[in-house]
């Protein structure tokens, strides 16, 4: 049952509830058991992060026969297998990615009315009568952006505008990549990390292509990413500020010259004779930022759990680095945008707003909760466990959090005794094998 819950197998809740059907108040026992399983997952996956791939593989192959020789062969032939699949699907991937981009963009918005909206964006007016909006969703991998964006989409403006907005998300292109799907479908769990890295650049390029196309058209755009690379974010915001006057296209990106010098040009302006002239009928974009942070160990655990459930993994070091960089840059990002909010997903009850800025005002913060931003900006990105994240060795840098509320809670022992008695009673109802 614990294995089914870890994998979120279909019908796991019904199976857990059926197990307790002979006990009084099985619903309450089910809630306590799930909470205890979450504590176990939190405690177990908070250590040995450098072995995360091995741990994930162990979970996914628990019911399969052990084949050490087969695993060694797969490891040795990985590069050759990847090259063969990439070669065979090269043309298919080109057309498939193009179709995915067109699907995300949808039908372009065209009408004969000038795009001169009101100065403030408050209600979902017709797109031709207001400023287009660029919403930047940022936060480290596993921070909980999906949870926050669901809440954002319920707000008055986005509940009306979301249907026609362009959502730019590199992970969506990654999962739709035919090469990614082909390798993943073979069930070689040890290939999970390398498969994601193989298609990383192509999915990033596809997302960038959709972003610049949508901005050139004056569409509402939701850009969902880590926003951890500051030069890219700065150049993207600068482009969005000027796109109503000047069309853009993708630039050369990040390049390293032979002498070791680097250049970064993610977007470049299109000369008027190459394009269709300035977008003089568009109003300047309103740029909003929604940041999401949490204690990094929670994100690592979410990432491991997601890899077990969905088959999409990231390296823990890369994950920690994305949290550190975003937290370090967040205050500087706030100076560039028209509206900013920062949410914490540490709490069990849902995301909590801990900082906000509107217009030209300064960033207003919850004095106590904003310390989380400073903690995360100073984490050790090479940490191998929860106790190596911060200099003092404390899981939360010295402040209370989910770790104290769940893992080290003094009430946990009594709950475990209650669950043990209920489990033994339920097991007694089943015949011995």
Protein backbone atom coordinates (compact mmCIF):
# COMPACT_ATOMS: atom_id res chain seq x y z
CA UNK A 1 0.00 0.00 0.00
CA UNK A 2 2.85 2.37 0.79
CA UNK A 3 4.38 1.54 -2.60
CA UNK A 4 1.09 2.31 -4.36
CA UNK A 5 0.84 5.64 -2.53
CA UNK A 6 4.42 6.57 -3.39
CA UNK A 7 3.71 5.98 -7.08
CA UNK A 8 0.18 7.45 -6.85
CA UNK A 9 -1.13 4.32 -8.56
CA UNK A 10 -4.70 4.40 -9.82
CA UNK A 11 -7.19 3.61 -7.05
CA UNK A 12 -4.64 3.81 -4.23
CA UNK A 13 -7.01 5.78 -1.95
CA UNK A 14 -9.80 3.22 -2.37
CA UNK A 15 -7.37 0.40 -1.55
CA UNK A 16 -6.16 2.17 1.58
CA UNK A 17 -9.72 2.88 2.72
CA UNK A 18 -10.76 -0.73 2.07
CA UNK A 19 -7.85 -1.92 4.22
CA UNK A 20 -9.26 -0.06 7.24
CA UNK A 21 -12.92 -0.96 6.67
CA UNK A 22 -13.08 -3.14 9.83
CA UNK A 23 -11.86 -0.29 12.04
CA UNK A 24 -13.95 2.44 13.60
CA UNK A 25 -13.81 5.69 11.62
CA UNK A 26 -11.77 4.41 8.64
CA UNK A 27 -11.81 7.85 7.01
CA UNK A 28 -9.91 9.41 9.92
CA UNK A 29 -7.40 6.54 9.87
CA UNK A 30 -6.90 7.02 6.14
CA UNK A 31 -6.06 10.70 6.65
CA UNK A 32 -3.59 9.86 9.44
CA UNK A 33 -1.96 7.11 7.38
CA UNK A 34 -1.50 9.38 4.35
CA UNK A 35 -0.03 12.10 6.57
CA UNK A 36 2.38 9.57 8.10
CA UNK A 37 3.38 8.26 4.68
CA UNK A 38 4.10 11.85 3.64
CA UNK A 39 6.30 12.24 6.72
CA UNK A 40 8.16 9.04 5.83
CA UNK A 41 8.68 10.21 2.25
CA UNK A 42 9.86 13.61 3.47
CA UNK A 43 12.32 12.06 5.91
CA UNK A 44 13.65 9.35 3.58
CA UNK A 45 14.14 11.49 0.47
CA UNK A 46 15.86 14.28 2.43
CA UNK A 47 19.15 12.38 2.34
CA UNK A 48 21.58 10.81 -0.19
CA UNK A 49 20.64 13.20 -3.00
CA UNK A 50 23.69 12.24 -5.04
CA UNK A 51 22.13 8.77 -5.25
CA UNK A 52 18.70 10.08 -6.27
CA UNK A 53 18.76 8.32 -9.65
CA UNK A 54 19.51 4.99 -7.97
CA UNK A 55 16.71 5.54 -5.43
CA UNK A 56 14.19 6.36 -8.18
CA UNK A 57 15.25 3.29 -10.17
CA UNK A 58 14.87 1.10 -7.08
CA UNK A 59 11.29 2.28 -6.62
CA UNK A 60 10.35 1.84 -10.27
CA UNK A 61 11.90 -1.63 -10.54
CA UNK A 62 10.84 -2.95 -7.12
CA UNK A 63 8.49 -5.54 -8.63
CA UNK A 64 10.83 -6.54 -11.46
CA UNK A 65 13.51 -9.25 -11.36
CA UNK A 66 17.03 -8.00 -10.64
CA UNK A 67 19.11 -7.99 -13.82
CA UNK A 68 22.48 -6.47 -13.04
CA UNK A 69 24.08 -7.48 -16.36
CA UNK A 70 21.22 -5.92 -18.32
CA UNK A 71 21.63 -2.64 -16.42
CA UNK A 72 25.36 -2.59 -17.16
CA UNK A 73 24.72 -3.17 -20.87
CA UNK A 74 22.20 -0.31 -20.97
CA UNK A 75 24.68 2.00 -19.24
CA UNK A 76 27.44 1.09 -21.70
CA UNK A 77 25.28 1.48 -24.81
CA UNK A 78 23.36 4.62 -23.78
CA UNK A 79 25.23 7.04 -26.05
CA UNK A 80 24.90 4.73 -29.05
CA UNK A 81 21.18 4.16 -28.40
CA UNK A 82 20.50 7.89 -28.03
CA UNK A 83 22.38 8.70 -31.25
CA UNK A 84 20.43 6.07 -33.19
CA UNK A 85 17.04 7.31 -31.99
CA UNK A 86 18.01 10.94 -32.65
CA UNK A 87 19.16 10.08 -36.17
CA UNK A 88 16.04 8.05 -37.01
CA UNK A 89 13.60 10.68 -35.73
CA UNK A 90 15.43 13.83 -36.84
CA UNK A 91 12.98 14.80 -39.60
CA UNK A 92 9.91 13.63 -37.66
CA UNK A 93 11.00 15.75 -34.72
CA UNK A 94 11.38 18.85 -36.90
CA UNK A 95 7.78 18.69 -38.13
CA UNK A 96 6.40 17.55 -34.77
CA UNK A 97 8.00 20.47 -32.92
CA UNK A 98 6.71 22.91 -35.53
CA UNK A 99 3.18 21.54 -35.09
CA UNK A 100 3.48 21.84 -31.30
CA UNK A 101 4.56 25.48 -31.64
CA UNK A 102 1.60 26.25 -33.90
CA UNK A 103 -0.73 24.50 -31.47
CA UNK A 104 0.52 26.62 -28.55
CA UNK A 105 0.29 29.87 -30.51
CA UNK A 106 -3.21 29.08 -31.75
CA UNK A 107 -5.04 31.45 -34.08
CA UNK A 108 -3.49 34.90 -34.14
CA UNK A 109 -5.60 37.82 -32.99
CA UNK A 110 -6.36 40.17 -35.87
CA UNK A 111 -8.87 42.96 -36.17
CA UNK A 112 -9.06 46.41 -37.71
CA UNK A 113 -9.19 48.34 -34.46
CA UNK A 114 -6.17 50.21 -33.10
CA UNK A 115 -4.78 48.64 -29.94
CA UNK A 116 -5.08 51.58 -27.54
CA UNK A 117 -6.22 50.19 -24.16
CA UNK A 118 -6.65 51.96 -20.83
CA UNK A 119 -3.55 52.73 -18.81
CA UNK A 120 -4.32 50.10 -16.18
CA UNK A 121 -5.23 46.47 -16.72
CA UNK A 122 -7.95 45.67 -14.21
CA UNK A 123 -10.61 43.65 -16.03
CA UNK A 124 -10.54 41.18 -18.92
CA UNK A 125 -11.64 43.66 -21.57
CA UNK A 126 -11.50 42.65 -25.22
CA UNK A 127 -7.86 42.17 -26.17
CA UNK A 128 -8.02 44.95 -28.76
CA UNK A 129 -9.13 47.43 -26.08
CA UNK A 130 -6.41 46.99 -23.45
CA UNK A 131 -2.70 46.43 -22.89
CA UNK A 132 -1.40 42.96 -23.56
CA UNK A 133 0.02 41.31 -20.44
CA UNK A 134 3.22 39.32 -20.02
CA UNK A 135 3.06 37.20 -16.87
CA UNK A 136 6.42 35.85 -15.76
CA UNK A 137 6.03 32.79 -13.53
CA UNK A 138 9.35 32.09 -11.83
CA UNK A 139 10.83 29.84 -9.19
CA UNK A 140 13.26 26.98 -8.83
CA UNK A 141 12.42 23.51 -10.13
CA UNK A 142 9.83 21.92 -7.85
CA UNK A 143 8.99 25.19 -6.07
CA UNK A 144 5.26 24.68 -6.62
CA UNK A 145 4.60 27.00 -9.57
CA UNK A 146 1.81 24.77 -10.91
CA UNK A 147 -0.09 25.09 -7.63
CA UNK A 148 0.25 28.88 -7.60
CA UNK A 149 -0.70 29.37 -11.23
CA UNK A 150 -3.96 27.49 -10.63
CA UNK A 151 -4.82 30.13 -8.03
CA UNK A 152 -3.72 32.97 -10.32
CA UNK A 153 -6.00 31.70 -13.09
CA UNK A 154 -9.01 32.09 -10.76
CA UNK A 155 -8.46 35.85 -10.45
CA UNK A 156 -10.83 38.23 -12.23
CA UNK A 157 -8.49 39.22 -15.04
CA UNK A 158 -7.01 35.84 -15.87
CA UNK A 159 -10.29 33.95 -15.56
CA UNK A 160 -11.38 35.87 -18.65
CA UNK A 161 -8.06 36.25 -20.45
CA UNK A 162 -6.47 32.82 -19.93
CA UNK A 163 -8.43 31.10 -22.69
CA UNK A 164 -6.74 33.21 -25.39
CA UNK A 165 -3.35 33.55 -23.70
CA UNK A 166 -0.22 31.83 -24.99
CA UNK A 167 1.41 29.62 -22.33
CA UNK A 168 5.15 29.28 -22.87
CA UNK A 169 6.61 26.32 -20.99
CA UNK A 170 9.76 24.47 -22.06
CA UNK A 171 8.79 21.35 -20.06
CA UNK A 172 5.64 20.95 -22.16
CA UNK A 173 7.73 20.89 -25.35
CA UNK A 174 10.10 18.43 -23.69
CA UNK A 175 7.32 15.97 -22.92
CA UNK A 176 5.92 16.33 -26.46
CA UNK A 177 9.32 15.75 -28.09
CA UNK A 178 9.18 12.56 -30.20
CA UNK A 179 12.75 11.61 -29.25
CA UNK A 180 11.97 12.05 -25.55
CA UNK A 181 8.83 9.94 -25.92
CA UNK A 182 10.59 7.23 -27.91
CA UNK A 183 13.39 6.75 -25.37
CA UNK A 184 11.09 7.04 -22.35
CA UNK A 185 8.64 4.48 -23.74
CA UNK A 186 11.29 1.76 -23.56
CA UNK A 187 11.18 1.82 -19.77
CA UNK A 188 14.92 2.13 -19.11
CA UNK A 189 14.65 4.08 -15.87
CA UNK A 190 18.40 4.69 -15.63
CA UNK A 191 18.11 6.80 -18.80
CA UNK A 192 15.66 9.26 -17.22
CA UNK A 193 18.08 12.09 -16.46
CA UNK A 194 20.06 11.79 -19.68
CA UNK A 195 16.86 11.69 -21.76
CA UNK A 196 15.67 14.97 -20.26
CA UNK A 197 19.08 16.56 -20.84
CA UNK A 198 19.18 15.29 -24.43
CA UNK A 199 16.09 17.30 -25.40
CA UNK A 200 16.68 20.27 -23.09
CA UNK A 201 18.11 22.63 -25.72
CA UNK A 202 15.51 21.82 -28.37
CA UNK A 203 12.63 22.33 -25.93
CA UNK A 204 14.14 25.61 -24.74
CA UNK A 205 14.51 26.81 -28.33
CA UNK A 206 10.90 25.87 -29.12
CA UNK A 207 9.67 27.80 -26.08
CA UNK A 208 11.75 30.84 -27.08
CA UNK A 209 10.34 30.70 -30.62
CA UNK A 210 6.77 30.69 -29.31
CA UNK A 211 7.53 33.51 -26.86
CA UNK A 212 8.95 35.93 -29.43
CA UNK A 213 6.16 35.12 -31.91
CA UNK A 214 3.45 35.73 -29.30
CA UNK A 215 5.01 39.02 -28.19
CA UNK A 216 5.32 40.23 -31.79
CA UNK A 217 1.58 39.57 -32.18
CA UNK A 218 0.68 41.41 -28.98
CA UNK A 219 -0.84 38.34 -27.34
CA UNK A 220 -1.31 37.83 -23.61
CA UNK A 221 1.58 35.58 -22.60
CA UNK A 222 2.20 33.38 -19.55
CA UNK A 223 5.87 32.44 -19.41
CA UNK A 224 6.40 29.55 -16.99
CA UNK A 225 10.04 28.85 -16.11
CA UNK A 226 12.65 29.01 -13.39
CA UNK A 227 13.80 32.56 -14.32
CA UNK A 228 17.10 31.52 -12.77
CA UNK A 229 19.37 32.88 -15.54
CA UNK A 230 19.35 36.62 -14.96
CA UNK A 231 20.80 37.78 -18.33
CA UNK A 232 18.01 35.95 -20.17
CA UNK A 233 15.32 37.50 -17.97
CA UNK A 234 16.77 41.01 -18.32
CA UNK A 235 16.92 40.74 -22.11
CA UNK A 236 13.40 39.27 -22.29
CA UNK A 237 11.91 42.11 -20.23
CA UNK A 238 13.79 44.66 -22.36
CA UNK A 239 12.37 43.08 -25.52
CA UNK A 240 8.83 43.09 -24.11
CA UNK A 241 9.18 46.81 -23.32
CA UNK A 242 10.07 47.61 -26.93
CA UNK A 243 8.10 45.05 -28.95
CA UNK A 244 5.21 47.47 -29.57
CA UNK A 245 7.65 49.64 -31.55
CA UNK A 246 10.06 47.06 -32.96
CA UNK A 247 9.63 43.45 -34.01
CA UNK A 248 12.07 40.84 -32.68
CA UNK A 249 13.37 37.38 -33.49
CA UNK A 250 15.51 34.81 -31.69
CA UNK A 251 19.16 35.73 -31.28
CA UNK A 252 22.28 33.57 -31.28
CA UNK A 253 21.84 32.73 -27.59
CA UNK A 254 24.72 31.82 -25.28
CA UNK A 255 27.99 31.42 -27.19
CA UNK A 256 31.55 30.70 -26.07
CA UNK A 257 34.32 31.91 -28.40
CA UNK A 258 37.58 30.07 -29.05
CA UNK A 259 39.38 32.39 -26.62
CA UNK A 260 36.89 31.55 -23.87
CA UNK A 261 34.92 34.80 -23.94
CA UNK A 262 31.15 34.48 -23.79
CA UNK A 263 28.42 36.45 -25.51
CA UNK A 264 24.71 36.32 -24.77
CA UNK A 265 22.16 37.63 -27.24
CA UNK A 266 18.83 35.92 -26.79
CA UNK A 267 16.78 38.34 -28.93
CA UNK A 268 17.58 40.65 -31.80
CA UNK A 269 15.56 43.40 -33.41
CA UNK A 270 14.31 42.85 -36.95
CA UNK A 271 15.19 45.63 -39.36
CA UNK A 272 12.11 47.32 -40.80
CA UNK A 273 12.88 46.25 -44.35
CA UNK A 274 13.01 42.63 -43.14
CA UNK A 275 9.79 42.75 -41.14
CA UNK A 276 6.45 44.45 -41.60
CA UNK A 277 7.35 47.72 -39.94
CA UNK A 278 6.96 48.77 -36.31
CA UNK A 279 4.01 47.43 -34.33
CA UNK A 280 2.61 50.96 -34.07
CA UNK A 281 -0.92 49.73 -33.39
CA UNK A 282 0.12 47.91 -30.22
CA UNK A 283 0.15 49.38 -26.74
CA UNK A 284 3.20 48.67 -24.52
CA UNK A 285 3.09 45.43 -22.58
CA UNK A 286 2.21 45.37 -18.91
CA UNK A 287 4.70 43.01 -17.28
CA UNK A 288 3.80 41.10 -14.13
CA UNK A 289 6.00 38.80 -12.07
CA UNK A 290 4.82 35.96 -9.85
CA UNK A 291 7.63 34.27 -7.94
CA UNK A 292 7.37 31.03 -5.98
CA UNK A 293 9.85 29.86 -3.34
CA UNK A 294 10.08 27.14 -0.72
CA UNK A 295 12.75 25.52 1.41
CA UNK A 296 14.89 23.77 -1.17
CA UNK A 297 14.72 20.32 0.43
CA UNK A 298 10.95 20.31 -0.16
CA UNK A 299 11.57 21.00 -3.85
CA UNK A 300 14.11 18.17 -4.07
CA UNK A 301 11.62 15.74 -2.55
CA UNK A 302 8.88 16.94 -4.90
CA UNK A 303 11.29 16.43 -7.80
CA UNK A 304 12.10 12.86 -6.76
CA UNK A 305 8.41 12.09 -6.27
CA UNK A 306 7.56 13.60 -9.67
CA UNK A 307 10.23 11.44 -11.31
CA UNK A 308 8.67 8.35 -9.74
CA UNK A 309 5.14 9.31 -10.79
CA UNK A 310 5.71 11.01 -14.17
CA UNK A 311 9.12 9.78 -15.30
CA UNK A 312 10.61 13.29 -15.64
CA UNK A 313 13.74 13.87 -13.56
CA UNK A 314 16.28 16.65 -12.99
CA UNK A 315 19.68 16.62 -11.33
CA UNK A 316 19.52 17.73 -7.71
CA UNK A 317 22.48 20.08 -8.15
CA UNK A 318 20.75 21.83 -11.07
CA UNK A 319 17.56 22.01 -9.04
CA UNK A 320 19.26 23.62 -6.04
CA UNK A 321 21.13 26.03 -8.31
CA UNK A 322 17.86 27.18 -9.91
CA UNK A 323 16.39 27.97 -6.47
CA UNK A 324 19.49 29.85 -5.34
CA UNK A 325 19.76 31.96 -8.49
CA UNK A 326 16.08 32.88 -8.61
CA UNK A 327 16.02 33.87 -4.93
CA UNK A 328 19.17 35.97 -5.39
CA UNK A 329 17.72 37.82 -8.41
CA UNK A 330 14.09 38.26 -7.32
CA UNK A 331 14.45 41.74 -5.80
CA UNK A 332 16.25 42.98 -8.94
CA UNK A 333 13.50 41.52 -11.12
CA UNK A 334 10.93 43.50 -9.11
CA UNK A 335 12.54 46.76 -10.25
CA UNK A 336 11.91 45.82 -13.89
CA UNK A 337 8.22 44.91 -13.80
CA UNK A 338 4.92 46.71 -13.25
CA UNK A 339 3.55 44.30 -10.68
CA UNK A 340 5.24 41.61 -8.59
CA UNK A 341 4.18 38.98 -6.09
CA UNK A 342 6.11 36.34 -4.19
CA UNK A 343 4.49 33.21 -2.78
CA UNK A 344 5.82 30.64 -0.33
CA UNK A 345 4.75 27.02 -0.74
CA UNK A 346 6.26 25.84 2.54
CA UNK A 347 2.90 25.66 4.30
CA UNK A 348 0.77 22.53 4.00
CA UNK A 349 -2.41 24.56 3.57
CA UNK A 350 -1.46 26.17 0.25
CA UNK A 351 0.64 29.02 -1.17
CA UNK A 352 1.09 32.11 1.01
CA UNK A 353 1.67 35.63 -0.35
CA UNK A 354 4.79 36.98 1.38
CA UNK A 355 5.80 39.96 -0.80
CA UNK A 356 4.10 42.22 -3.33
CA UNK A 357 4.69 45.35 -5.40
CA UNK A 358 2.30 47.38 -7.56
CA UNK A 359 3.28 50.09 -10.00
CA UNK A 360 6.14 52.30 -8.88
CA UNK A 361 5.81 51.40 -5.20
CA UNK A 362 8.50 49.61 -3.23
CA UNK A 363 8.37 45.89 -2.56
CA UNK A 364 6.19 45.29 0.52
CA UNK A 365 7.08 42.19 2.49
CA UNK A 366 5.98 40.01 5.37
CA UNK A 367 8.95 40.69 7.65
CA UNK A 368 9.07 37.17 9.09
CA UNK A 369 8.31 35.11 5.99
CA UNK A 370 10.59 37.07 3.64
CA UNK A 371 13.55 35.57 5.51
CA UNK A 372 12.89 32.46 3.44
CA UNK A 373 14.02 34.35 0.32
CA UNK A 374 17.32 35.25 1.96
CA UNK A 375 17.82 31.69 3.22
CA UNK A 376 17.27 30.14 -0.19
CA UNK A 377 19.61 32.66 -1.85
CA UNK A 378 22.40 31.32 0.35
CA UNK A 379 21.92 27.54 0.04
CA UNK A 380 24.74 25.14 -0.74
CA UNK A 381 23.95 23.92 -4.25
CA UNK A 382 26.28 20.92 -3.80
CA UNK A 383 24.37 19.65 -0.74
CA UNK A 384 23.86 15.90 -0.47
CA UNK A 385 21.19 16.06 2.23
CA UNK A 386 18.91 18.42 4.10
CA UNK A 387 21.53 19.11 6.79
CA UNK A 388 24.05 20.39 4.23
CA UNK A 389 21.78 23.05 2.71
CA UNK A 390 22.64 25.81 5.20
CA UNK A 391 25.85 26.69 7.01
CA UNK A 392 24.45 25.95 10.46
CA UNK A 393 23.33 22.46 9.41
CA UNK A 394 19.71 23.15 10.36
CA UNK A 395 17.15 21.97 7.77
CA UNK A 396 15.51 25.39 7.69
CA UNK A 397 18.44 27.66 8.44
CA UNK A 398 17.29 28.06 12.04
CA UNK A 399 13.61 28.87 11.43
CA UNK A 400 10.53 26.71 11.91
CA UNK A 401 8.96 24.97 8.92
CA UNK A 402 7.41 21.77 7.64
CA UNK A 403 10.40 19.83 8.98
CA UNK A 404 9.53 20.71 12.59
CA UNK A 405 5.79 20.44 12.04
CA UNK A 406 5.93 17.00 10.44
CA UNK A 407 9.20 15.07 10.64
CA UNK A 408 10.26 16.00 14.19
CA UNK A 409 6.79 16.60 15.65
CA UNK A 410 6.49 15.27 19.24
CA UNK A 411 2.97 14.03 18.42
CA UNK A 412 4.23 11.69 15.73
CA UNK A 413 5.02 8.79 18.06
CA UNK A 414 1.45 8.56 19.41
CA UNK A 415 0.00 8.69 15.88
CA UNK A 416 2.34 5.88 14.82
CA UNK A 417 1.18 3.73 17.75
CA UNK A 418 -2.46 4.32 16.80
CA UNK A 419 -1.77 3.42 13.17
CA UNK A 420 0.20 0.33 14.15
CA UNK A 421 -2.71 -0.99 16.22
CA UNK A 422 -5.17 -0.30 13.38
CA UNK A 423 -2.91 -1.98 10.81
CA UNK A 424 -2.45 -5.08 12.98
CA UNK A 425 -6.22 -5.29 13.47
CA UNK A 426 -6.83 -5.00 9.73
CA UNK A 427 -4.14 -7.56 8.88
CA UNK A 428 -5.73 -10.03 11.30
CA UNK A 429 -8.84 -10.01 9.10
CA UNK A 430 -6.88 -11.33 6.13
CA UNK A 431 -5.95 -15.03 5.95
CA UNK A 432 -2.25 -15.86 6.22
CA UNK A 433 -0.62 -16.99 2.96
